[in-house]
Amino acid sequence: MHQLPAVVPEIRRAGAQERDAISLLLGEAFMEDPVSRWVFPDEEHRRAVHPEFFGVSLDAALREGWVDVADDLSAAALWVPIEANGAAGAGEGHGDGGIVEALAAADAGNERVRTVAELTDRAHPVERSHFYLPAIVAAPGRRGEGRGSALLTPVLDRCDREGVPAYLEASNERSKALYERLGFVFTGTAIVLPGGPPMWPMWREPRS
């Protein structure tokens, strides 16, 4: 008997009242992520601090951009519009020191949190305005069912219509391959965590 394909729930814009549920989804979805395992080596501690850690990016998206979710909250994508900063040169980051400090405060005393926040900020392009994807997740058990593509495709179609680039950091090979299929290209310089896994900054030019 052939297994029926999974039905992807409707994609919609999340409301601020769903913030806590989405932060829990983010925390659970990133439990086995290589970068998270390096930043928070102890599994119990990782599970405890993850919702607050990812809540920093979630709050920024709810405040300054938007959050798309599957209707059953089984998947979410955070988007933040980044304005070009002509005063900053390549490699100087997008200049949001407040986000760096907020991330560091999410697990005070953990220098790896500050390290990953500072390195990703420094690698973030600033020369052109773009849409930034700090996180996209599907709940464990819901991966490989098309939720990631369903979340990304409408925004990337908008990027193409409006001529807006997009940017993200891939934290594992599987997600990097998905992003490449959607038109993202590795910038050529990996983010190297001391003694940890690589991250791949990826940029997508709008398609005509």
N, C-alpha and C. Protein backbone atom coordinates (compact mmCIF):
# COMPACT_ATOMS: atom_id res chain seq x y z
N MET A 1 0.85 -1.19 0.00
CA MET A 1 0.00 0.00 0.00
C MET A 1 0.88 1.24 0.00
N HIS A 2 0.56 2.18 -0.87
CA HIS A 2 1.34 3.41 -0.95
C HIS A 2 0.90 4.37 0.15
N GLN A 3 1.90 4.99 0.79
CA GLN A 3 1.60 5.97 1.83
C GLN A 3 1.18 7.28 1.19
N LEU A 4 0.09 7.84 1.67
CA LEU A 4 -0.37 9.12 1.14
C LEU A 4 0.57 10.23 1.54
N PRO A 5 0.81 11.20 0.66
CA PRO A 5 1.70 12.31 1.03
C PRO A 5 1.10 13.14 2.15
N ALA A 6 2.00 13.69 2.96
CA ALA A 6 1.54 14.51 4.08
C ALA A 6 0.87 15.78 3.54
N VAL A 7 -0.18 16.18 4.21
CA VAL A 7 -0.89 17.41 3.86
C VAL A 7 -0.31 18.55 4.68
N VAL A 8 0.23 19.56 4.01
CA VAL A 8 0.82 20.69 4.70
C VAL A 8 -0.29 21.65 5.12
N PRO A 9 -0.36 22.01 6.40
CA PRO A 9 -1.40 22.94 6.84
C PRO A 9 -1.25 24.30 6.15
N GLU A 10 -2.31 25.08 6.22
CA GLU A 10 -2.29 26.42 5.65
C GLU A 10 -1.22 27.27 6.34
N ILE A 11 -0.55 28.11 5.56
CA ILE A 11 0.45 29.03 6.10
C ILE A 11 -0.22 30.38 6.37
N ARG A 12 0.05 30.94 7.53
CA ARG A 12 -0.57 32.22 7.89
C ARG A 12 0.41 33.05 8.71
N ARG A 13 0.06 34.30 8.91
CA ARG A 13 0.86 35.20 9.74
C ARG A 13 0.54 34.96 11.22
N ALA A 14 1.57 34.84 12.05
CA ALA A 14 1.37 34.61 13.48
C ALA A 14 1.02 35.90 14.19
N GLY A 15 0.29 35.77 15.28
CA GLY A 15 -0.05 36.90 16.13
C GLY A 15 0.83 36.94 17.37
N ALA A 16 0.93 38.12 17.98
CA ALA A 16 1.76 38.28 19.16
C ALA A 16 1.33 37.35 20.29
N GLN A 17 0.05 37.01 20.34
CA GLN A 17 -0.46 36.15 21.41
C GLN A 17 0.07 34.73 21.29
N GLU A 18 0.67 34.39 20.16
CA GLU A 18 1.21 33.05 19.96
C GLU A 18 2.70 32.98 20.26
N ARG A 19 3.24 34.05 20.80
CA ARG A 19 4.68 34.15 21.02
C ARG A 19 5.22 32.99 21.86
N ASP A 20 4.59 32.67 22.98
CA ASP A 20 5.12 31.64 23.86
C ASP A 20 5.10 30.26 23.19
N ALA A 21 4.03 29.97 22.47
CA ALA A 21 3.93 28.67 21.80
C ALA A 21 5.01 28.54 20.72
N ILE A 22 5.27 29.64 20.00
CA ILE A 22 6.29 29.59 18.95
C ILE A 22 7.69 29.47 19.54
N SER A 23 7.93 30.15 20.67
CA SER A 23 9.25 30.04 21.29
C SER A 23 9.51 28.61 21.76
N LEU A 24 8.48 27.93 22.24
CA LEU A 24 8.64 26.53 22.64
C LEU A 24 8.91 25.65 21.41
N LEU A 25 8.21 25.94 20.31
CA LEU A 25 8.45 25.20 19.06
C LEU A 25 9.90 25.38 18.60
N LEU A 26 10.39 26.63 18.61
CA LEU A 26 11.77 26.89 18.21
C LEU A 26 12.75 26.14 19.11
N GLY A 27 12.51 26.21 20.41
CA GLY A 27 13.41 25.55 21.35
C GLY A 27 13.48 24.06 21.13
N GLU A 28 12.33 23.42 20.92
CA GLU A 28 12.30 21.98 20.72
C GLU A 28 12.92 21.60 19.37
N ALA A 29 12.62 22.38 18.34
CA ALA A 29 13.08 22.03 17.00
C ALA A 29 14.60 22.11 16.87
N PHE A 30 15.24 22.98 17.65
CA PHE A 30 16.69 23.16 17.55
C PHE A 30 17.47 22.31 18.55
N MET A 31 16.81 21.41 19.26
CA MET A 31 17.50 20.64 20.29
C MET A 31 18.69 19.85 19.73
N GLU A 32 18.57 19.31 18.53
CA GLU A 32 19.65 18.49 17.96
C GLU A 32 20.47 19.24 16.92
N ASP A 33 20.26 20.53 16.80
CA ASP A 33 21.02 21.33 15.84
C ASP A 33 22.49 21.37 16.25
N PRO A 34 23.42 21.19 15.31
CA PRO A 34 24.85 21.16 15.67
C PRO A 34 25.33 22.42 16.38
N VAL A 35 24.88 23.58 15.93
CA VAL A 35 25.33 24.82 16.57
C VAL A 35 24.77 24.92 17.99
N SER A 36 23.50 24.59 18.17
CA SER A 36 22.92 24.64 19.50
C SER A 36 23.59 23.65 20.45
N ARG A 37 23.95 22.48 19.93
CA ARG A 37 24.63 21.50 20.78
C ARG A 37 26.00 22.02 21.20
N TRP A 38 26.64 22.83 20.35
CA TRP A 38 27.94 23.42 20.72
C TRP A 38 27.74 24.56 21.70
N VAL A 39 26.75 25.39 21.47
CA VAL A 39 26.52 26.54 22.36
C VAL A 39 26.07 26.08 23.74
N PHE A 40 25.20 25.07 23.77
CA PHE A 40 24.65 24.55 25.04
C PHE A 40 24.93 23.05 25.11
N PRO A 41 26.13 22.64 25.52
CA PRO A 41 26.50 21.22 25.47
C PRO A 41 25.65 20.31 26.35
N ASP A 42 25.18 20.82 27.47
CA ASP A 42 24.38 20.00 28.37
C ASP A 42 22.93 19.97 27.89
N GLU A 43 22.41 18.80 27.62
CA GLU A 43 21.07 18.68 27.03
C GLU A 43 19.98 19.27 27.92
N GLU A 44 20.05 19.01 29.21
CA GLU A 44 19.02 19.52 30.12
C GLU A 44 19.04 21.05 30.15
N HIS A 45 20.25 21.61 30.21
CA HIS A 45 20.38 23.06 30.21
C HIS A 45 19.91 23.65 28.88
N ARG A 46 20.26 22.98 27.79
CA ARG A 46 19.84 23.43 26.46
C ARG A 46 18.33 23.52 26.37
N ARG A 47 17.65 22.50 26.85
CA ARG A 47 16.19 22.49 26.81
C ARG A 47 15.61 23.61 27.66
N ALA A 48 16.26 23.91 28.77
CA ALA A 48 15.73 24.95 29.67
C ALA A 48 15.88 26.36 29.10
N VAL A 49 17.02 26.63 28.43
CA VAL A 49 17.29 28.01 27.99
C VAL A 49 16.89 28.28 26.54
N HIS A 50 16.65 27.23 25.76
CA HIS A 50 16.33 27.41 24.35
C HIS A 50 15.17 28.37 24.08
N PRO A 51 14.03 28.22 24.76
CA PRO A 51 12.91 29.12 24.45
C PRO A 51 13.27 30.59 24.66
N GLU A 52 14.02 30.92 25.71
CA GLU A 52 14.41 32.30 25.93
C GLU A 52 15.44 32.75 24.90
N PHE A 53 16.38 31.87 24.57
CA PHE A 53 17.41 32.21 23.59
C PHE A 53 16.78 32.51 22.23
N PHE A 54 15.95 31.61 21.72
CA PHE A 54 15.33 31.84 20.43
C PHE A 54 14.22 32.88 20.52
N GLY A 55 13.74 33.11 21.73
CA GLY A 55 12.74 34.16 21.91
C GLY A 55 13.27 35.54 21.58
N VAL A 56 14.58 35.74 21.65
CA VAL A 56 15.17 37.04 21.30
C VAL A 56 14.93 37.34 19.82
N SER A 57 15.25 36.38 18.96
CA SER A 57 15.02 36.56 17.53
C SER A 57 13.53 36.61 17.21
N LEU A 58 12.76 35.80 17.92
CA LEU A 58 11.31 35.80 17.72
C LEU A 58 10.71 37.17 18.05
N ASP A 59 11.13 37.75 19.16
CA ASP A 59 10.61 39.07 19.54
C ASP A 59 10.99 40.13 18.51
N ALA A 60 12.22 40.02 17.98
CA ALA A 60 12.65 40.98 16.95
C ALA A 60 11.78 40.85 15.70
N ALA A 61 11.47 39.61 15.32
CA ALA A 61 10.63 39.40 14.14
C ALA A 61 9.21 39.89 14.37
N LEU A 62 8.65 39.64 15.54
CA LEU A 62 7.30 40.11 15.84
C LEU A 62 7.25 41.63 15.91
N ARG A 63 8.34 42.23 16.35
CA ARG A 63 8.38 43.69 16.53
C ARG A 63 8.71 44.41 15.22
N GLU A 64 9.67 43.89 14.47
CA GLU A 64 10.20 44.63 13.32
C GLU A 64 9.86 44.00 11.98
N GLY A 65 9.46 42.75 11.98
CA GLY A 65 9.16 42.05 10.73
C GLY A 65 7.88 41.26 10.85
N TRP A 66 7.98 39.95 10.62
CA TRP A 66 6.79 39.11 10.73
C TRP A 66 7.22 37.66 10.96
N VAL A 67 6.25 36.86 11.39
CA VAL A 67 6.45 35.43 11.62
C VAL A 67 5.35 34.68 10.88
N ASP A 68 5.75 33.80 9.99
CA ASP A 68 4.81 32.92 9.29
C ASP A 68 4.80 31.57 9.98
N VAL A 69 3.61 30.99 10.10
CA VAL A 69 3.49 29.70 10.77
C VAL A 69 2.54 28.80 9.98
N ALA A 70 2.72 27.49 10.15
CA ALA A 70 1.69 26.55 9.73
C ALA A 70 0.51 26.73 10.68
N ASP A 71 -0.68 26.54 10.16
CA ASP A 71 -1.89 26.85 10.93
C ASP A 71 -1.98 26.05 12.23
N ASP A 72 -1.37 24.86 12.25
CA ASP A 72 -1.39 24.05 13.47
C ASP A 72 -0.16 24.29 14.34
N LEU A 73 0.62 25.34 14.02
CA LEU A 73 1.84 25.70 14.76
C LEU A 73 2.86 24.56 14.77
N SER A 74 2.90 23.79 13.69
CA SER A 74 3.90 22.73 13.56
C SER A 74 5.16 23.23 12.87
N ALA A 75 5.17 24.47 12.40
CA ALA A 75 6.34 25.03 11.72
C ALA A 75 6.25 26.55 11.77
N ALA A 76 7.42 27.20 11.72
CA ALA A 76 7.45 28.66 11.79
C ALA A 76 8.68 29.19 11.08
N ALA A 77 8.55 30.38 10.54
CA ALA A 77 9.68 31.08 9.91
C ALA A 77 9.67 32.53 10.38
N LEU A 78 10.82 33.01 10.83
CA LEU A 78 10.97 34.37 11.31
C LEU A 78 11.62 35.22 10.22
N TRP A 79 11.07 36.39 9.97
CA TRP A 79 11.63 37.29 8.96
C TRP A 79 11.79 38.69 9.53
N VAL A 80 12.95 39.30 9.25
CA VAL A 80 13.24 40.66 9.68
C VAL A 80 13.78 41.45 8.50
N PRO A 81 13.13 42.54 8.08
CA PRO A 81 13.70 43.39 7.03
C PRO A 81 14.93 44.13 7.56
N ILE A 82 16.01 44.10 6.80
CA ILE A 82 17.24 44.79 7.18
C ILE A 82 17.50 45.91 6.17
N GLU A 83 17.63 47.13 6.67
CA GLU A 83 17.91 48.26 5.80
C GLU A 83 19.41 48.35 5.52
N ALA A 84 19.74 48.80 4.31
CA ALA A 84 21.15 48.99 3.96
C ALA A 84 21.77 50.03 4.87
N ASN A 85 23.02 49.78 5.24
CA ASN A 85 23.76 50.70 6.09
C ASN A 85 25.01 51.12 5.34
N GLY A 86 24.92 52.19 4.61
CA GLY A 86 26.02 52.61 3.78
C GLY A 86 27.27 52.97 4.54
N ALA A 87 27.14 53.25 5.84
CA ALA A 87 28.30 53.64 6.63
C ALA A 87 29.13 52.45 7.05
N ALA A 88 28.56 51.25 6.94
CA ALA A 88 29.28 50.05 7.38
C ALA A 88 29.85 49.33 6.19
N GLY A 89 31.03 48.77 6.38
CA GLY A 89 31.67 48.03 5.29
C GLY A 89 31.39 46.55 5.41
N ALA A 90 31.86 45.83 4.42
CA ALA A 90 31.66 44.38 4.43
C ALA A 90 32.29 43.77 5.67
N GLY A 91 31.53 42.85 6.27
CA GLY A 91 32.05 42.12 7.42
C GLY A 91 31.84 42.83 8.74
N GLU A 92 31.18 44.00 8.72
CA GLU A 92 30.98 44.69 9.98
C GLU A 92 29.64 44.38 10.63
N GLY A 93 28.87 43.49 10.02
CA GLY A 93 27.62 43.07 10.61
C GLY A 93 26.52 44.06 10.33
N HIS A 94 25.30 43.72 10.76
CA HIS A 94 24.18 44.62 10.53
C HIS A 94 24.00 45.59 11.69
N GLY A 95 24.93 45.58 12.62
CA GLY A 95 25.00 46.66 13.59
C GLY A 95 23.98 46.63 14.71
N ASP A 96 23.30 45.51 14.90
CA ASP A 96 22.30 45.46 15.95
C ASP A 96 22.92 44.92 17.23
N GLY A 97 23.69 45.79 17.89
CA GLY A 97 24.32 45.37 19.13
C GLY A 97 23.33 44.99 20.20
N GLY A 98 22.11 45.56 20.13
CA GLY A 98 21.09 45.21 21.11
C GLY A 98 20.71 43.75 21.04
N ILE A 99 20.64 43.20 19.83
CA ILE A 99 20.33 41.78 19.67
C ILE A 99 21.45 40.93 20.24
N VAL A 100 22.69 41.32 19.98
CA VAL A 100 23.83 40.58 20.51
C VAL A 100 23.77 40.54 22.03
N GLU A 101 23.52 41.69 22.64
CA GLU A 101 23.46 41.74 24.11
C GLU A 101 22.28 40.94 24.64
N ALA A 102 21.14 41.01 23.95
CA ALA A 102 19.97 40.26 24.40
C ALA A 102 20.21 38.76 24.31
N LEU A 103 20.86 38.32 23.24
CA LEU A 103 21.19 36.90 23.12
C LEU A 103 22.15 36.47 24.22
N ALA A 104 23.17 37.30 24.47
CA ALA A 104 24.14 36.97 25.53
C ALA A 104 23.44 36.88 26.88
N ALA A 105 22.47 37.75 27.12
CA ALA A 105 21.76 37.76 28.41
C ALA A 105 20.85 36.55 28.57
N ALA A 106 20.51 35.89 27.46
CA ALA A 106 19.62 34.73 27.54
C ALA A 106 20.26 33.57 28.30
N ASP A 107 21.59 33.55 28.37
CA ASP A 107 22.30 32.53 29.15
C ASP A 107 23.55 33.19 29.71
N ALA A 108 23.35 34.06 30.65
CA ALA A 108 24.44 34.86 31.20
C ALA A 108 25.59 33.97 31.67
N GLY A 109 26.81 34.36 31.31
CA GLY A 109 27.99 33.61 31.70
C GLY A 109 28.43 32.56 30.70
N ASN A 110 27.60 32.30 29.71
CA ASN A 110 27.95 31.33 28.67
C ASN A 110 28.60 32.10 27.53
N GLU A 111 29.94 32.07 27.46
CA GLU A 111 30.65 32.85 26.46
C GLU A 111 30.39 32.36 25.04
N ARG A 112 29.96 31.12 24.90
CA ARG A 112 29.67 30.61 23.56
C ARG A 112 28.45 31.31 22.96
N VAL A 113 27.51 31.71 23.80
CA VAL A 113 26.35 32.45 23.30
C VAL A 113 26.81 33.77 22.68
N ARG A 114 27.64 34.50 23.40
CA ARG A 114 28.14 35.76 22.87
C ARG A 114 28.99 35.54 21.62
N THR A 115 29.79 34.49 21.62
CA THR A 115 30.64 34.21 20.46
C THR A 115 29.81 34.02 19.20
N VAL A 116 28.79 33.16 19.26
CA VAL A 116 28.00 32.89 18.07
C VAL A 116 27.21 34.13 17.67
N ALA A 117 26.73 34.90 18.65
CA ALA A 117 25.99 36.12 18.33
C ALA A 117 26.89 37.15 17.64
N GLU A 118 28.08 37.32 18.16
CA GLU A 118 29.00 38.31 17.57
C GLU A 118 29.49 37.88 16.19
N LEU A 119 29.81 36.60 16.02
CA LEU A 119 30.32 36.14 14.73
C LEU A 119 29.25 36.20 13.64
N THR A 120 28.01 35.83 13.98
CA THR A 120 26.95 35.92 12.97
C THR A 120 26.63 37.36 12.65
N ASP A 121 26.67 38.24 13.66
CA ASP A 121 26.42 39.66 13.40
C ASP A 121 27.50 40.25 12.50
N ARG A 122 28.74 39.86 12.75
CA ARG A 122 29.87 40.39 11.97
C ARG A 122 29.80 39.92 10.52
N ALA A 123 29.29 38.71 10.29
CA ALA A 123 29.22 38.16 8.93
C ALA A 123 28.03 38.68 8.14
N HIS A 124 27.08 39.30 8.82
CA HIS A 124 25.83 39.70 8.17
C HIS A 124 26.08 40.85 7.18
N PRO A 125 25.69 40.70 5.91
CA PRO A 125 25.92 41.77 4.93
C PRO A 125 25.12 43.03 5.28
N VAL A 126 25.70 44.18 4.95
CA VAL A 126 25.02 45.44 5.27
C VAL A 126 24.90 46.36 4.06
N GLU A 127 25.48 45.97 2.94
CA GLU A 127 25.54 46.89 1.81
C GLU A 127 24.19 47.12 1.14
N ARG A 128 23.30 46.13 1.20
CA ARG A 128 22.01 46.23 0.52
C ARG A 128 20.88 45.83 1.44
N SER A 129 19.74 46.48 1.28
CA SER A 129 18.55 46.09 2.04
C SER A 129 18.13 44.68 1.62
N HIS A 130 17.60 43.93 2.59
CA HIS A 130 17.21 42.56 2.30
C HIS A 130 16.28 42.04 3.39
N PHE A 131 15.70 40.88 3.15
CA PHE A 131 14.92 40.17 4.15
C PHE A 131 15.83 39.12 4.80
N TYR A 132 15.88 39.13 6.13
CA TYR A 132 16.73 38.22 6.88
C TYR A 132 15.87 37.14 7.53
N LEU A 133 16.30 35.89 7.38
CA LEU A 133 15.62 34.74 7.98
C LEU A 133 16.47 34.20 9.13
N PRO A 134 16.26 34.67 10.37
CA PRO A 134 17.07 34.18 11.48
C PRO A 134 16.75 32.75 11.89
N ALA A 135 15.54 32.28 11.59
CA ALA A 135 15.21 30.90 11.98
C ALA A 135 14.00 30.42 11.20
N ILE A 136 14.04 29.15 10.82
CA ILE A 136 12.87 28.46 10.27
C ILE A 136 12.91 27.04 10.82
N VAL A 137 11.77 26.55 11.30
CA VAL A 137 11.75 25.24 11.95
C VAL A 137 10.46 24.50 11.61
N ALA A 138 10.55 23.19 11.70
CA ALA A 138 9.39 22.32 11.74
C ALA A 138 9.50 21.47 12.99
N ALA A 139 8.39 21.17 13.60
CA ALA A 139 8.40 20.37 14.81
C ALA A 139 9.00 19.00 14.55
N PRO A 140 9.71 18.44 15.53
CA PRO A 140 10.20 17.07 15.37
C PRO A 140 9.03 16.14 15.01
N GLY A 141 9.26 15.28 14.02
CA GLY A 141 8.20 14.41 13.53
C GLY A 141 7.43 15.00 12.37
N ARG A 142 7.65 16.28 12.09
CA ARG A 142 6.95 16.94 10.97
C ARG A 142 7.93 17.37 9.89
N ARG A 143 9.20 16.97 10.02
CA ARG A 143 10.20 17.33 9.03
C ARG A 143 10.09 16.43 7.80
N GLY A 144 10.52 16.99 6.67
CA GLY A 144 10.47 16.24 5.44
C GLY A 144 9.09 16.14 4.83
N GLU A 145 8.14 16.95 5.31
CA GLU A 145 6.77 16.92 4.81
C GLU A 145 6.41 18.16 3.99
N GLY A 146 7.40 18.98 3.70
CA GLY A 146 7.15 20.13 2.85
C GLY A 146 6.83 21.42 3.56
N ARG A 147 6.89 21.43 4.90
CA ARG A 147 6.55 22.64 5.63
C ARG A 147 7.56 23.77 5.39
N GLY A 148 8.84 23.42 5.33
CA GLY A 148 9.85 24.44 5.11
C GLY A 148 9.66 25.15 3.78
N SER A 149 9.45 24.38 2.73
CA SER A 149 9.22 24.97 1.41
C SER A 149 7.94 25.78 1.38
N ALA A 150 6.90 25.29 2.07
CA ALA A 150 5.63 26.01 2.09
C ALA A 150 5.77 27.35 2.79
N LEU A 151 6.61 27.41 3.82
CA LEU A 151 6.84 28.67 4.52
C LEU A 151 7.69 29.63 3.69
N LEU A 152 8.70 29.11 3.02
CA LEU A 152 9.65 29.96 2.32
C LEU A 152 9.14 30.47 0.97
N THR A 153 8.43 29.62 0.25
CA THR A 153 8.09 29.96 -1.13
C THR A 153 7.33 31.29 -1.28
N PRO A 154 6.30 31.57 -0.47
CA PRO A 154 5.59 32.84 -0.65
C PRO A 154 6.48 34.06 -0.44
N VAL A 155 7.39 34.00 0.53
CA VAL A 155 8.26 35.14 0.78
C VAL A 155 9.29 35.28 -0.33
N LEU A 156 9.83 34.17 -0.80
CA LEU A 156 10.80 34.25 -1.90
C LEU A 156 10.13 34.72 -3.19
N ASP A 157 8.87 34.34 -3.39
CA ASP A 157 8.13 34.87 -4.54
C ASP A 157 7.98 36.39 -4.41
N ARG A 158 7.72 36.85 -3.20
CA ARG A 158 7.63 38.30 -2.96
C ARG A 158 8.98 38.97 -3.25
N CYS A 159 10.06 38.34 -2.79
CA CYS A 159 11.39 38.87 -3.07
C CYS A 159 11.61 39.04 -4.58
N ASP A 160 11.18 38.05 -5.33
CA ASP A 160 11.34 38.10 -6.78
C ASP A 160 10.50 39.22 -7.39
N ARG A 161 9.27 39.38 -6.92
CA ARG A 161 8.40 40.43 -7.46
C ARG A 161 8.93 41.82 -7.14
N GLU A 162 9.45 41.98 -5.91
CA GLU A 162 9.85 43.31 -5.44
C GLU A 162 11.34 43.58 -5.63
N GLY A 163 12.09 42.59 -6.12
CA GLY A 163 13.52 42.78 -6.33
C GLY A 163 14.32 42.87 -5.05
N VAL A 164 13.93 42.09 -4.03
CA VAL A 164 14.57 42.16 -2.72
C VAL A 164 15.41 40.89 -2.49
N PRO A 165 16.69 41.02 -2.14
CA PRO A 165 17.49 39.83 -1.78
C PRO A 165 17.04 39.25 -0.44
N ALA A 166 17.52 38.05 -0.15
CA ALA A 166 17.26 37.41 1.14
C ALA A 166 18.57 36.84 1.67
N TYR A 167 18.63 36.71 3.00
CA TYR A 167 19.87 36.25 3.64
C TYR A 167 19.53 35.36 4.82
N LEU A 168 20.40 34.38 5.08
CA LEU A 168 20.25 33.49 6.24
C LEU A 168 21.60 32.88 6.55
N GLU A 169 21.67 32.19 7.70
CA GLU A 169 22.82 31.36 8.04
C GLU A 169 22.35 29.91 8.19
N ALA A 170 22.88 29.00 7.38
CA ALA A 170 22.55 27.59 7.51
C ALA A 170 23.44 26.98 8.60
N SER A 171 22.82 26.21 9.48
CA SER A 171 23.58 25.65 10.60
C SER A 171 23.83 24.15 10.45
N ASN A 172 23.36 23.56 9.34
CA ASN A 172 23.66 22.15 9.10
C ASN A 172 23.57 21.88 7.60
N GLU A 173 24.15 20.78 7.18
CA GLU A 173 24.24 20.44 5.76
C GLU A 173 22.85 20.22 5.15
N ARG A 174 21.94 19.63 5.91
CA ARG A 174 20.61 19.34 5.36
C ARG A 174 19.88 20.63 5.00
N SER A 175 19.90 21.60 5.92
CA SER A 175 19.20 22.86 5.63
C SER A 175 19.92 23.63 4.52
N LYS A 176 21.24 23.56 4.49
CA LYS A 176 21.99 24.23 3.44
C LYS A 176 21.56 23.72 2.07
N ALA A 177 21.36 22.41 1.94
CA ALA A 177 20.94 21.84 0.66
C ALA A 177 19.55 22.32 0.27
N LEU A 178 18.64 22.42 1.25
CA LEU A 178 17.29 22.93 0.97
C LEU A 178 17.37 24.37 0.46
N TYR A 179 18.16 25.19 1.14
CA TYR A 179 18.25 26.59 0.74
C TYR A 179 18.86 26.73 -0.66
N GLU A 180 19.83 25.88 -0.96
CA GLU A 180 20.43 25.93 -2.30
C GLU A 180 19.40 25.63 -3.38
N ARG A 181 18.50 24.69 -3.10
CA ARG A 181 17.46 24.36 -4.08
C ARG A 181 16.51 25.54 -4.30
N LEU A 182 16.42 26.42 -3.31
CA LEU A 182 15.53 27.57 -3.40
C LEU A 182 16.24 28.83 -3.89
N GLY A 183 17.51 28.69 -4.29
CA GLY A 183 18.20 29.81 -4.90
C GLY A 183 19.21 30.52 -4.02
N PHE A 184 19.39 30.09 -2.79
CA PHE A 184 20.40 30.69 -1.92
C PHE A 184 21.78 30.17 -2.32
N VAL A 185 22.78 31.03 -2.18
CA VAL A 185 24.15 30.68 -2.54
C VAL A 185 25.06 30.99 -1.35
N PHE A 186 25.91 30.05 -1.01
CA PHE A 186 26.90 30.25 0.05
C PHE A 186 27.79 31.44 -0.32
N THR A 187 27.99 32.34 0.63
CA THR A 187 28.76 33.56 0.35
C THR A 187 30.24 33.29 0.14
N GLY A 188 30.71 32.11 0.56
CA GLY A 188 32.11 31.75 0.34
C GLY A 188 32.97 31.79 1.58
N THR A 189 32.48 32.41 2.64
CA THR A 189 33.24 32.48 3.89
C THR A 189 32.38 31.93 5.02
N ALA A 190 32.75 30.77 5.54
CA ALA A 190 31.98 30.16 6.62
C ALA A 190 32.21 30.90 7.93
N ILE A 191 31.22 30.82 8.81
CA ILE A 191 31.38 31.29 10.18
C ILE A 191 31.99 30.13 10.97
N VAL A 192 33.18 30.34 11.50
CA VAL A 192 33.92 29.28 12.18
C VAL A 192 33.80 29.47 13.69
N LEU A 193 33.10 28.56 14.34
CA LEU A 193 32.98 28.59 15.80
C LEU A 193 34.19 27.87 16.40
N PRO A 194 34.84 28.44 17.39
CA PRO A 194 36.06 27.84 17.94
C PRO A 194 35.80 26.42 18.47
N GLY A 195 36.37 25.43 17.79
CA GLY A 195 36.16 24.05 18.21
C GLY A 195 34.77 23.53 17.95
N GLY A 196 33.99 24.28 17.16
CA GLY A 196 32.60 23.90 16.93
C GLY A 196 32.30 23.69 15.46
N PRO A 197 31.03 23.49 15.13
CA PRO A 197 30.63 23.23 13.74
C PRO A 197 30.62 24.52 12.93
N PRO A 198 30.69 24.43 11.61
CA PRO A 198 30.61 25.62 10.77
C PRO A 198 29.18 26.08 10.59
N MET A 199 29.02 27.35 10.23
CA MET A 199 27.76 27.90 9.77
C MET A 199 28.02 28.51 8.40
N TRP A 200 27.00 28.46 7.55
CA TRP A 200 27.18 28.92 6.17
C TRP A 200 26.28 30.13 5.90
N PRO A 201 26.83 31.34 5.84
CA PRO A 201 26.03 32.48 5.41
C PRO A 201 25.60 32.28 3.96
N MET A 202 24.32 32.56 3.67
CA MET A 202 23.79 32.31 2.34
C MET A 202 22.96 33.51 1.88
N TRP A 203 23.15 33.88 0.64
CA TRP A 203 22.51 35.06 0.05
C TRP A 203 21.72 34.62 -1.18
N ARG A 204 20.56 35.21 -1.35
CA ARG A 204 19.72 34.90 -2.51
C ARG A 204 19.39 36.19 -3.25
N GLU A 205 19.84 36.27 -4.50
CA GLU A 205 19.44 37.37 -5.35
C GLU A 205 18.03 37.14 -5.86
N PRO A 206 17.22 38.19 -5.99
CA PRO A 206 15.87 38.00 -6.54
C PRO A 206 15.94 37.53 -7.98
N ARG A 207 15.01 36.67 -8.34
CA ARG A 207 14.96 36.14 -9.69
C ARG A 207 14.02 37.00 -10.53
N SER A 208 14.41 37.25 -11.74
CA SER A 208 13.58 38.08 -12.63
C SER A 208 12.53 37.22 -13.34
